[in-house]
């Protein structure tokens, strides 16, 4: 005969196992959702900022070489943008940028690169977020990954460097 304490312990273990299973399923669904959003966002990059060869979906890293943005692929090949003038600025070091700023017809897009970020640690190019400027002069920014408006205060605090080495402001 089992005691009341043993029954409660068995129920607790059963509930804990059930919750762990449910959390695992939810995490898998969230990861798939983030992957779908990243794939869509990289498709947007392919249409708006196409590479000379390949797709942003296959990029393993971005590097700034002199005044050019280079995309590196798993097979060791590289590609620049079809329109190199679309790359306008970066933050961080040229070999390992923290972010890359692209411009299309006056609208900026910032690729935020962070190998330790929530999304960046799962993305082969370390893209943590893709943020797009939706209007000027108000400079409203939108995260393509989270689907939310971005607080613009951090953009003013961030130091960007133009591809020619001069300061760049958004």
N, C-alpha and C. Protein backbone atom coordinates (compact mmCIF):
# COMPACT_ATOMS: atom_id res chain seq x y z
N UNK A 1 0.83 -1.17 0.00
CA UNK A 1 0.00 0.00 0.00
C UNK A 1 0.89 1.25 0.00
N UNK A 2 0.56 2.21 -0.86
CA UNK A 2 1.36 3.43 -0.95
C UNK A 2 0.83 4.47 0.02
N UNK A 3 1.75 5.26 0.50
CA UNK A 3 1.35 6.33 1.42
C UNK A 3 0.94 7.56 0.61
N UNK A 4 0.32 8.47 1.30
CA UNK A 4 -0.12 9.72 0.67
C UNK A 4 1.08 10.50 0.15
N UNK A 5 2.20 10.50 0.89
CA UNK A 5 3.41 11.21 0.47
C UNK A 5 3.98 10.59 -0.80
N UNK A 6 3.95 9.27 -0.93
CA UNK A 6 4.46 8.60 -2.14
C UNK A 6 3.59 8.94 -3.34
N UNK A 7 2.27 8.97 -3.14
CA UNK A 7 1.35 9.32 -4.24
C UNK A 7 1.61 10.75 -4.71
N UNK A 8 1.78 11.65 -3.73
CA UNK A 8 2.03 13.06 -4.09
C UNK A 8 3.36 13.18 -4.83
N UNK A 9 4.38 12.45 -4.38
CA UNK A 9 5.68 12.48 -5.04
C UNK A 9 5.59 11.95 -6.47
N UNK A 10 4.86 10.87 -6.66
CA UNK A 10 4.68 10.31 -8.01
C UNK A 10 3.93 11.28 -8.91
N UNK A 11 2.88 11.94 -8.36
CA UNK A 11 2.13 12.93 -9.16
C UNK A 11 3.03 14.10 -9.52
N UNK A 12 3.86 14.55 -8.56
CA UNK A 12 4.78 15.66 -8.81
C UNK A 12 5.77 15.32 -9.90
N UNK A 13 6.34 14.13 -9.86
CA UNK A 13 7.29 13.70 -10.88
C UNK A 13 6.60 13.61 -12.23
N UNK A 14 5.37 13.11 -12.24
CA UNK A 14 4.61 12.99 -13.48
C UNK A 14 4.32 14.37 -14.07
N UNK A 15 3.91 15.31 -13.21
CA UNK A 15 3.63 16.67 -13.69
C UNK A 15 4.89 17.36 -14.19
N UNK A 16 6.01 17.14 -13.49
CA UNK A 16 7.27 17.74 -13.91
C UNK A 16 7.70 17.19 -15.27
N UNK A 17 7.56 15.89 -15.46
CA UNK A 17 7.91 15.28 -16.75
C UNK A 17 7.00 15.81 -17.85
N UNK A 18 5.71 15.95 -17.55
CA UNK A 18 4.75 16.47 -18.53
C UNK A 18 5.11 17.90 -18.91
N UNK A 19 5.44 18.74 -17.89
CA UNK A 19 5.79 20.14 -18.16
C UNK A 19 7.08 20.22 -18.98
N UNK A 20 8.04 19.38 -18.68
CA UNK A 20 9.30 19.38 -19.43
C UNK A 20 9.04 19.02 -20.89
N UNK A 21 8.17 18.05 -21.12
CA UNK A 21 7.81 17.65 -22.49
C UNK A 21 7.12 18.81 -23.21
N UNK A 22 6.18 19.44 -22.55
CA UNK A 22 5.45 20.57 -23.17
C UNK A 22 6.40 21.72 -23.48
N UNK A 23 7.29 22.05 -22.55
CA UNK A 23 8.25 23.13 -22.79
C UNK A 23 9.18 22.79 -23.95
N UNK A 24 9.57 21.55 -24.07
CA UNK A 24 10.41 21.13 -25.18
C UNK A 24 9.70 21.32 -26.51
N UNK A 25 8.43 20.94 -26.57
CA UNK A 25 7.64 21.10 -27.80
C UNK A 25 7.49 22.58 -28.13
N UNK A 26 7.20 23.41 -27.14
CA UNK A 26 7.05 24.85 -27.36
C UNK A 26 8.36 25.45 -27.86
N UNK A 27 9.49 25.06 -27.26
CA UNK A 27 10.79 25.56 -27.71
C UNK A 27 11.07 25.17 -29.16
N UNK A 28 10.73 23.94 -29.54
CA UNK A 28 10.93 23.49 -30.92
C UNK A 28 10.07 24.31 -31.87
N UNK A 29 8.81 24.58 -31.48
CA UNK A 29 7.92 25.39 -32.32
C UNK A 29 8.47 26.81 -32.46
N UNK A 30 8.94 27.39 -31.36
CA UNK A 30 9.52 28.73 -31.40
C UNK A 30 10.74 28.79 -32.30
N UNK A 31 11.61 27.78 -32.21
CA UNK A 31 12.80 27.75 -33.05
C UNK A 31 12.42 27.64 -34.52
N UNK A 32 11.41 26.83 -34.82
CA UNK A 32 10.97 26.71 -36.23
C UNK A 32 10.39 28.03 -36.71
N UNK A 33 9.62 28.71 -35.84
CA UNK A 33 9.03 29.99 -36.22
C UNK A 33 10.13 31.02 -36.50
N UNK A 34 11.13 31.09 -35.61
CA UNK A 34 12.23 32.03 -35.80
C UNK A 34 12.96 31.71 -37.10
N UNK A 35 13.17 30.43 -37.39
CA UNK A 35 13.85 30.03 -38.63
C UNK A 35 13.05 30.47 -39.86
N UNK A 36 11.73 30.31 -39.80
CA UNK A 36 10.88 30.74 -40.92
C UNK A 36 10.96 32.25 -41.11
N UNK A 37 10.93 32.99 -40.00
CA UNK A 37 11.02 34.45 -40.08
C UNK A 37 12.38 34.87 -40.63
N UNK A 38 13.45 34.21 -40.17
CA UNK A 38 14.79 34.54 -40.68
C UNK A 38 14.89 34.22 -42.17
N UNK A 39 14.34 33.09 -42.60
CA UNK A 39 14.37 32.74 -44.02
C UNK A 39 13.62 33.79 -44.85
N UNK A 40 12.46 34.21 -44.36
CA UNK A 40 11.69 35.24 -45.07
C UNK A 40 12.48 36.55 -45.12
N UNK A 41 13.08 36.93 -43.98
CA UNK A 41 13.84 38.19 -43.91
C UNK A 41 15.06 38.16 -44.82
N UNK A 42 15.72 37.01 -44.90
CA UNK A 42 16.86 36.88 -45.81
C UNK A 42 16.40 36.89 -47.27
N UNK A 43 15.20 36.40 -47.54
CA UNK A 43 14.62 36.53 -48.88
C UNK A 43 14.40 37.99 -49.23
N UNK A 44 13.97 38.78 -48.23
CA UNK A 44 13.83 40.23 -48.41
C UNK A 44 15.19 40.84 -48.77
N UNK A 45 16.26 40.39 -48.06
CA UNK A 45 17.60 40.89 -48.37
C UNK A 45 18.01 40.51 -49.79
N UNK A 46 17.67 39.29 -50.21
CA UNK A 46 18.00 38.85 -51.58
C UNK A 46 17.32 39.72 -52.63
N UNK A 47 16.10 40.16 -52.35
CA UNK A 47 15.37 41.00 -53.32
C UNK A 47 15.85 42.44 -53.29
N UNK A 48 16.10 42.96 -52.08
CA UNK A 48 16.41 44.38 -51.93
C UNK A 48 17.90 44.69 -52.02
N UNK A 49 18.73 43.76 -51.53
CA UNK A 49 20.18 43.94 -51.53
C UNK A 49 20.83 42.66 -52.08
N UNK A 50 20.57 42.33 -53.35
CA UNK A 50 21.06 41.06 -53.89
C UNK A 50 22.58 41.00 -53.94
N UNK A 51 23.07 39.78 -53.75
CA UNK A 51 24.50 39.52 -53.87
C UNK A 51 24.82 39.27 -55.35
N UNK A 52 26.08 39.46 -55.74
CA UNK A 52 26.48 39.14 -57.11
C UNK A 52 26.29 37.67 -57.39
N UNK A 53 26.57 36.85 -56.39
CA UNK A 53 26.37 35.40 -56.51
C UNK A 53 25.83 34.88 -55.18
N UNK A 54 24.95 33.91 -55.25
CA UNK A 54 24.46 33.28 -54.03
C UNK A 54 23.34 34.05 -53.36
N UNK A 55 22.98 33.55 -52.17
CA UNK A 55 21.86 34.09 -51.41
C UNK A 55 22.31 34.43 -50.00
N UNK A 56 21.66 35.44 -49.43
CA UNK A 56 21.92 35.79 -48.03
C UNK A 56 21.58 34.60 -47.12
N UNK A 57 20.70 33.72 -47.56
CA UNK A 57 20.33 32.54 -46.77
C UNK A 57 21.51 31.59 -46.57
N UNK A 58 22.50 31.64 -47.47
CA UNK A 58 23.63 30.71 -47.40
C UNK A 58 24.90 31.35 -46.86
N UNK A 59 24.83 32.61 -46.48
CA UNK A 59 26.02 33.32 -45.99
C UNK A 59 26.41 32.80 -44.61
N UNK A 60 27.73 32.59 -44.42
CA UNK A 60 28.26 32.16 -43.12
C UNK A 60 28.84 33.32 -42.33
N UNK A 61 29.29 34.36 -43.02
CA UNK A 61 29.80 35.55 -42.32
C UNK A 61 29.87 36.73 -43.29
N UNK A 62 29.83 37.91 -42.71
CA UNK A 62 29.99 39.16 -43.46
C UNK A 62 31.26 39.84 -42.97
N UNK A 63 32.04 40.38 -43.92
CA UNK A 63 33.29 41.06 -43.61
C UNK A 63 33.35 42.31 -44.49
N UNK A 64 33.91 43.36 -43.95
CA UNK A 64 34.14 44.57 -44.74
C UNK A 64 35.60 44.57 -45.15
N UNK A 65 35.82 44.54 -46.46
CA UNK A 65 37.16 44.53 -47.02
C UNK A 65 37.33 45.83 -47.80
N UNK A 66 38.22 46.68 -47.30
CA UNK A 66 38.36 48.05 -47.80
C UNK A 66 37.00 48.72 -47.72
N UNK A 67 36.39 49.06 -48.84
CA UNK A 67 35.07 49.71 -48.78
C UNK A 67 33.96 48.81 -49.31
N UNK A 68 34.23 47.52 -49.37
CA UNK A 68 33.26 46.57 -49.91
C UNK A 68 32.74 45.63 -48.84
N UNK A 69 31.47 45.30 -48.90
CA UNK A 69 30.89 44.27 -48.05
C UNK A 69 31.05 42.94 -48.76
N UNK A 70 31.68 41.98 -48.09
CA UNK A 70 31.84 40.65 -48.66
C UNK A 70 31.05 39.64 -47.84
N UNK A 71 30.38 38.75 -48.54
CA UNK A 71 29.66 37.66 -47.91
C UNK A 71 30.47 36.39 -48.15
N UNK A 72 30.74 35.64 -47.08
CA UNK A 72 31.48 34.39 -47.18
C UNK A 72 30.53 33.21 -47.05
N UNK A 73 30.76 32.18 -47.88
CA UNK A 73 29.92 30.98 -47.89
C UNK A 73 30.68 29.78 -47.34
N UNK A 74 29.96 28.72 -47.02
CA UNK A 74 30.55 27.52 -46.41
C UNK A 74 31.64 26.89 -47.27
N UNK A 75 31.51 26.99 -48.60
CA UNK A 75 32.51 26.38 -49.49
C UNK A 75 33.75 27.25 -49.67
N UNK A 76 33.82 28.38 -48.96
CA UNK A 76 34.98 29.26 -49.04
C UNK A 76 34.85 30.37 -50.07
N UNK A 77 33.81 30.33 -50.89
CA UNK A 77 33.62 31.37 -51.90
C UNK A 77 33.08 32.65 -51.24
N UNK A 78 33.23 33.75 -51.97
CA UNK A 78 32.75 35.05 -51.48
C UNK A 78 31.94 35.74 -52.56
N UNK A 79 31.17 36.71 -52.12
CA UNK A 79 30.40 37.52 -53.06
C UNK A 79 30.20 38.90 -52.45
N UNK A 80 30.19 39.89 -53.31
CA UNK A 80 29.84 41.24 -52.89
C UNK A 80 28.39 41.51 -53.26
N UNK A 81 27.94 42.69 -52.96
CA UNK A 81 26.59 43.10 -53.37
C UNK A 81 26.57 43.40 -54.86
N UNK A 82 25.43 43.15 -55.51
CA UNK A 82 25.30 43.53 -56.93
C UNK A 82 25.49 45.03 -57.07
N UNK A 83 24.98 45.78 -56.10
CA UNK A 83 25.15 47.23 -56.09
C UNK A 83 25.97 47.59 -54.85
N UNK A 84 27.30 47.64 -54.96
CA UNK A 84 28.16 47.89 -53.80
C UNK A 84 27.85 49.18 -53.05
N UNK A 85 27.25 50.15 -53.73
CA UNK A 85 26.93 51.43 -53.08
C UNK A 85 25.85 51.28 -52.01
N UNK A 86 25.14 50.15 -52.00
CA UNK A 86 24.10 49.94 -51.00
C UNK A 86 24.67 49.71 -49.60
N UNK A 87 25.92 49.27 -49.52
CA UNK A 87 26.57 49.14 -48.22
C UNK A 87 27.07 50.52 -47.83
N UNK A 88 26.60 51.04 -46.66
CA UNK A 88 26.96 52.40 -46.29
C UNK A 88 27.73 52.52 -44.98
N UNK A 89 27.56 51.57 -44.04
CA UNK A 89 28.22 51.73 -42.75
C UNK A 89 28.24 50.42 -41.97
N UNK A 90 29.02 50.45 -40.89
CA UNK A 90 29.09 49.31 -39.98
C UNK A 90 29.34 49.81 -38.58
N UNK A 91 29.11 48.96 -37.61
CA UNK A 91 29.57 49.22 -36.24
C UNK A 91 30.44 48.03 -35.87
N UNK A 92 31.45 48.30 -35.06
CA UNK A 92 32.38 47.25 -34.69
C UNK A 92 33.56 47.20 -35.64
N UNK A 93 34.26 46.08 -35.61
CA UNK A 93 35.47 45.88 -36.40
C UNK A 93 35.12 45.39 -37.80
N UNK A 94 35.89 45.78 -38.79
CA UNK A 94 35.63 45.40 -40.19
C UNK A 94 35.64 43.88 -40.39
N UNK A 95 36.47 43.16 -39.65
CA UNK A 95 36.55 41.70 -39.83
C UNK A 95 35.45 40.96 -39.09
N UNK A 96 34.94 41.55 -38.04
CA UNK A 96 33.85 40.96 -37.26
C UNK A 96 32.87 42.06 -36.86
N UNK A 97 32.11 42.58 -37.81
CA UNK A 97 31.22 43.70 -37.49
C UNK A 97 30.11 43.29 -36.52
N UNK A 98 29.70 44.25 -35.69
CA UNK A 98 28.54 44.07 -34.81
C UNK A 98 27.25 44.31 -35.57
N UNK A 99 27.33 45.19 -36.56
CA UNK A 99 26.18 45.42 -37.43
C UNK A 99 26.64 46.01 -38.75
N UNK A 100 25.79 45.83 -39.73
CA UNK A 100 26.05 46.32 -41.09
C UNK A 100 24.83 47.14 -41.49
N UNK A 101 25.08 48.31 -42.05
CA UNK A 101 23.98 49.19 -42.48
C UNK A 101 23.97 49.24 -44.00
N UNK A 102 22.80 48.92 -44.55
CA UNK A 102 22.59 48.97 -45.99
C UNK A 102 21.56 50.06 -46.27
N UNK A 103 21.58 50.59 -47.49
CA UNK A 103 20.65 51.66 -47.84
C UNK A 103 20.08 51.37 -49.21
N UNK A 104 18.75 51.47 -49.30
CA UNK A 104 18.07 51.30 -50.57
C UNK A 104 17.08 52.45 -50.74
N UNK A 105 17.36 53.32 -51.66
CA UNK A 105 16.49 54.47 -51.95
C UNK A 105 16.18 55.30 -50.71
N UNK A 106 17.19 55.54 -49.89
CA UNK A 106 17.01 56.38 -48.71
C UNK A 106 16.54 55.67 -47.46
N UNK A 107 16.19 54.41 -47.56
CA UNK A 107 15.76 53.63 -46.39
C UNK A 107 16.90 52.72 -45.95
N UNK A 108 17.18 52.77 -44.66
CA UNK A 108 18.26 51.95 -44.10
C UNK A 108 17.75 50.61 -43.61
N UNK A 109 18.62 49.63 -43.68
CA UNK A 109 18.39 48.32 -43.08
C UNK A 109 19.67 47.99 -42.30
N UNK A 110 19.48 47.59 -41.04
CA UNK A 110 20.63 47.23 -40.21
C UNK A 110 20.58 45.74 -39.91
N UNK A 111 21.66 45.04 -40.29
CA UNK A 111 21.83 43.64 -39.92
C UNK A 111 22.60 43.63 -38.61
N UNK A 112 21.98 43.15 -37.56
CA UNK A 112 22.64 43.09 -36.26
C UNK A 112 23.23 41.70 -36.11
N UNK A 113 24.55 41.65 -35.97
CA UNK A 113 25.28 40.40 -35.90
C UNK A 113 25.73 40.15 -34.46
N UNK A 114 25.38 38.98 -33.92
CA UNK A 114 25.73 38.67 -32.54
C UNK A 114 25.71 37.16 -32.36
N UNK A 115 26.88 36.55 -32.36
CA UNK A 115 26.99 35.09 -32.19
C UNK A 115 26.40 34.60 -30.87
N UNK A 116 26.32 35.47 -29.87
CA UNK A 116 25.80 35.08 -28.56
C UNK A 116 24.34 35.50 -28.35
N UNK A 117 23.75 36.15 -29.36
CA UNK A 117 22.37 36.60 -29.23
C UNK A 117 21.38 35.45 -29.33
N UNK A 118 20.15 35.71 -28.95
CA UNK A 118 19.10 34.69 -28.94
C UNK A 118 18.94 34.05 -30.32
N UNK A 119 18.91 34.86 -31.37
CA UNK A 119 18.78 34.34 -32.74
C UNK A 119 20.14 34.13 -33.39
N UNK A 120 21.09 35.00 -33.07
CA UNK A 120 22.42 34.94 -33.69
C UNK A 120 23.16 33.64 -33.41
N UNK A 121 22.92 33.05 -32.24
CA UNK A 121 23.61 31.80 -31.92
C UNK A 121 23.07 30.64 -32.73
N UNK A 122 21.90 30.81 -33.34
CA UNK A 122 21.29 29.76 -34.15
C UNK A 122 21.47 29.98 -35.65
N UNK A 123 21.93 31.18 -36.02
CA UNK A 123 22.06 31.54 -37.43
C UNK A 123 23.51 31.39 -37.88
N UNK A 124 23.73 30.76 -39.03
CA UNK A 124 25.11 30.53 -39.48
C UNK A 124 25.87 31.81 -39.76
N UNK A 125 25.19 32.90 -40.11
CA UNK A 125 25.84 34.19 -40.33
C UNK A 125 25.82 35.06 -39.07
N UNK A 126 25.30 34.51 -37.97
CA UNK A 126 25.20 35.21 -36.68
C UNK A 126 24.26 36.41 -36.73
N UNK A 127 23.28 36.41 -37.64
CA UNK A 127 22.32 37.51 -37.69
C UNK A 127 21.36 37.34 -36.52
N UNK A 128 21.37 38.32 -35.63
CA UNK A 128 20.50 38.30 -34.46
C UNK A 128 19.19 39.02 -34.77
N UNK A 129 19.26 40.05 -35.61
CA UNK A 129 18.05 40.79 -35.99
C UNK A 129 18.31 41.51 -37.30
N UNK A 130 17.23 41.78 -38.01
CA UNK A 130 17.26 42.60 -39.22
C UNK A 130 16.25 43.71 -38.98
N UNK A 131 16.75 44.92 -38.89
CA UNK A 131 15.89 46.06 -38.59
C UNK A 131 15.81 46.99 -39.78
N UNK A 132 14.58 47.46 -40.04
CA UNK A 132 14.38 48.27 -41.22
C UNK A 132 13.75 49.60 -40.86
N UNK A 133 14.27 50.64 -41.49
CA UNK A 133 13.78 52.01 -41.30
C UNK A 133 12.53 52.15 -42.14
N UNK A 134 11.40 52.47 -41.50
CA UNK A 134 10.14 52.50 -42.23
C UNK A 134 9.76 53.86 -42.75
N UNK A 135 10.25 54.93 -42.12
CA UNK A 135 9.89 56.26 -42.62
C UNK A 135 10.90 57.29 -42.16
N UNK A 136 11.01 58.35 -42.93
CA UNK A 136 11.83 59.49 -42.55
C UNK A 136 10.92 60.70 -42.58
N UNK A 137 11.11 61.76 -41.88
CA UNK A 137 12.23 62.05 -41.00
C UNK A 137 12.06 61.48 -39.59
N UNK A 138 10.92 60.85 -39.28
CA UNK A 138 10.69 60.33 -37.93
C UNK A 138 11.63 59.18 -37.57
N UNK A 139 12.19 58.53 -38.56
CA UNK A 139 13.13 57.43 -38.36
C UNK A 139 12.56 56.33 -37.48
N UNK A 140 11.43 55.82 -37.88
CA UNK A 140 10.81 54.69 -37.19
C UNK A 140 11.48 53.41 -37.69
N UNK A 141 11.89 52.56 -36.75
CA UNK A 141 12.57 51.31 -37.08
C UNK A 141 11.69 50.14 -36.67
N UNK A 142 11.77 49.08 -37.45
CA UNK A 142 10.94 47.90 -37.27
C UNK A 142 11.83 46.66 -37.32
N UNK A 143 11.65 45.75 -36.37
CA UNK A 143 12.40 44.50 -36.37
C UNK A 143 11.66 43.48 -37.22
N UNK A 144 12.31 42.99 -38.26
CA UNK A 144 11.69 41.97 -39.10
C UNK A 144 11.59 40.64 -38.36
N UNK A 145 12.46 40.42 -37.37
CA UNK A 145 12.48 39.15 -36.65
C UNK A 145 11.41 39.10 -35.57
N UNK A 146 11.29 40.17 -34.78
CA UNK A 146 10.29 40.16 -33.70
C UNK A 146 8.94 40.70 -34.16
N UNK A 147 8.94 41.47 -35.26
CA UNK A 147 7.69 42.04 -35.73
C UNK A 147 7.25 43.25 -34.93
N UNK A 148 8.18 43.86 -34.20
CA UNK A 148 7.84 44.99 -33.34
C UNK A 148 8.65 46.22 -33.72
N UNK A 149 8.12 47.38 -33.31
CA UNK A 149 8.86 48.62 -33.49
C UNK A 149 10.05 48.61 -32.54
N UNK A 150 11.17 49.17 -33.01
CA UNK A 150 12.41 49.19 -32.24
C UNK A 150 12.56 50.56 -31.61
N UNK A 151 13.01 50.58 -30.37
CA UNK A 151 13.30 51.83 -29.69
C UNK A 151 14.48 52.50 -30.39
N UNK A 152 14.27 53.67 -30.91
CA UNK A 152 15.31 54.35 -31.70
C UNK A 152 16.38 55.00 -30.84
N UNK A 153 16.20 55.05 -29.53
CA UNK A 153 17.19 55.70 -28.66
C UNK A 153 18.54 55.01 -28.78
N UNK A 154 18.54 53.67 -28.93
CA UNK A 154 19.83 52.97 -29.02
C UNK A 154 20.54 53.25 -30.34
N UNK A 155 19.81 53.63 -31.38
CA UNK A 155 20.46 53.95 -32.67
C UNK A 155 21.32 55.20 -32.51
N UNK A 156 20.84 56.18 -31.73
CA UNK A 156 21.61 57.39 -31.51
C UNK A 156 22.85 57.16 -30.67
N UNK A 157 22.80 56.16 -29.79
CA UNK A 157 23.93 55.84 -28.93
C UNK A 157 24.97 54.98 -29.63
N UNK A 158 24.57 54.33 -30.71
CA UNK A 158 25.45 53.41 -31.41
C UNK A 158 26.38 54.20 -32.33
N UNK A 159 27.63 53.80 -32.39
CA UNK A 159 28.60 54.47 -33.24
C UNK A 159 28.74 53.69 -34.54
N UNK A 160 28.40 54.33 -35.63
CA UNK A 160 28.54 53.72 -36.94
C UNK A 160 29.71 54.37 -37.68
N UNK A 161 30.37 53.58 -38.49
CA UNK A 161 31.48 54.07 -39.30
C UNK A 161 31.11 53.90 -40.76
N UNK A 162 31.20 54.98 -41.51
CA UNK A 162 30.96 54.92 -42.94
C UNK A 162 32.02 54.04 -43.58
N UNK A 163 31.74 53.48 -44.73
CA UNK A 163 32.72 52.58 -45.35
C UNK A 163 34.03 53.27 -45.69
N UNK A 164 34.04 54.61 -45.76
CA UNK A 164 35.30 55.32 -46.01
C UNK A 164 36.02 55.69 -44.71
N UNK A 165 35.47 55.26 -43.55
CA UNK A 165 36.11 55.48 -42.28
C UNK A 165 35.58 56.64 -41.46
N UNK A 166 34.76 57.49 -42.04
CA UNK A 166 34.20 58.63 -41.32
C UNK A 166 32.99 58.20 -40.48
N UNK A 167 32.63 58.99 -39.46
CA UNK A 167 31.43 58.67 -38.68
C UNK A 167 30.17 58.70 -39.56
N UNK A 168 29.21 57.84 -39.23
CA UNK A 168 27.96 57.77 -40.00
C UNK A 168 26.81 57.82 -39.00
N UNK A 169 25.86 58.71 -39.23
CA UNK A 169 24.68 58.75 -38.35
C UNK A 169 23.42 58.39 -39.09
N UNK A 170 22.55 57.76 -38.35
CA UNK A 170 21.25 57.35 -38.91
C UNK A 170 20.20 58.36 -38.53
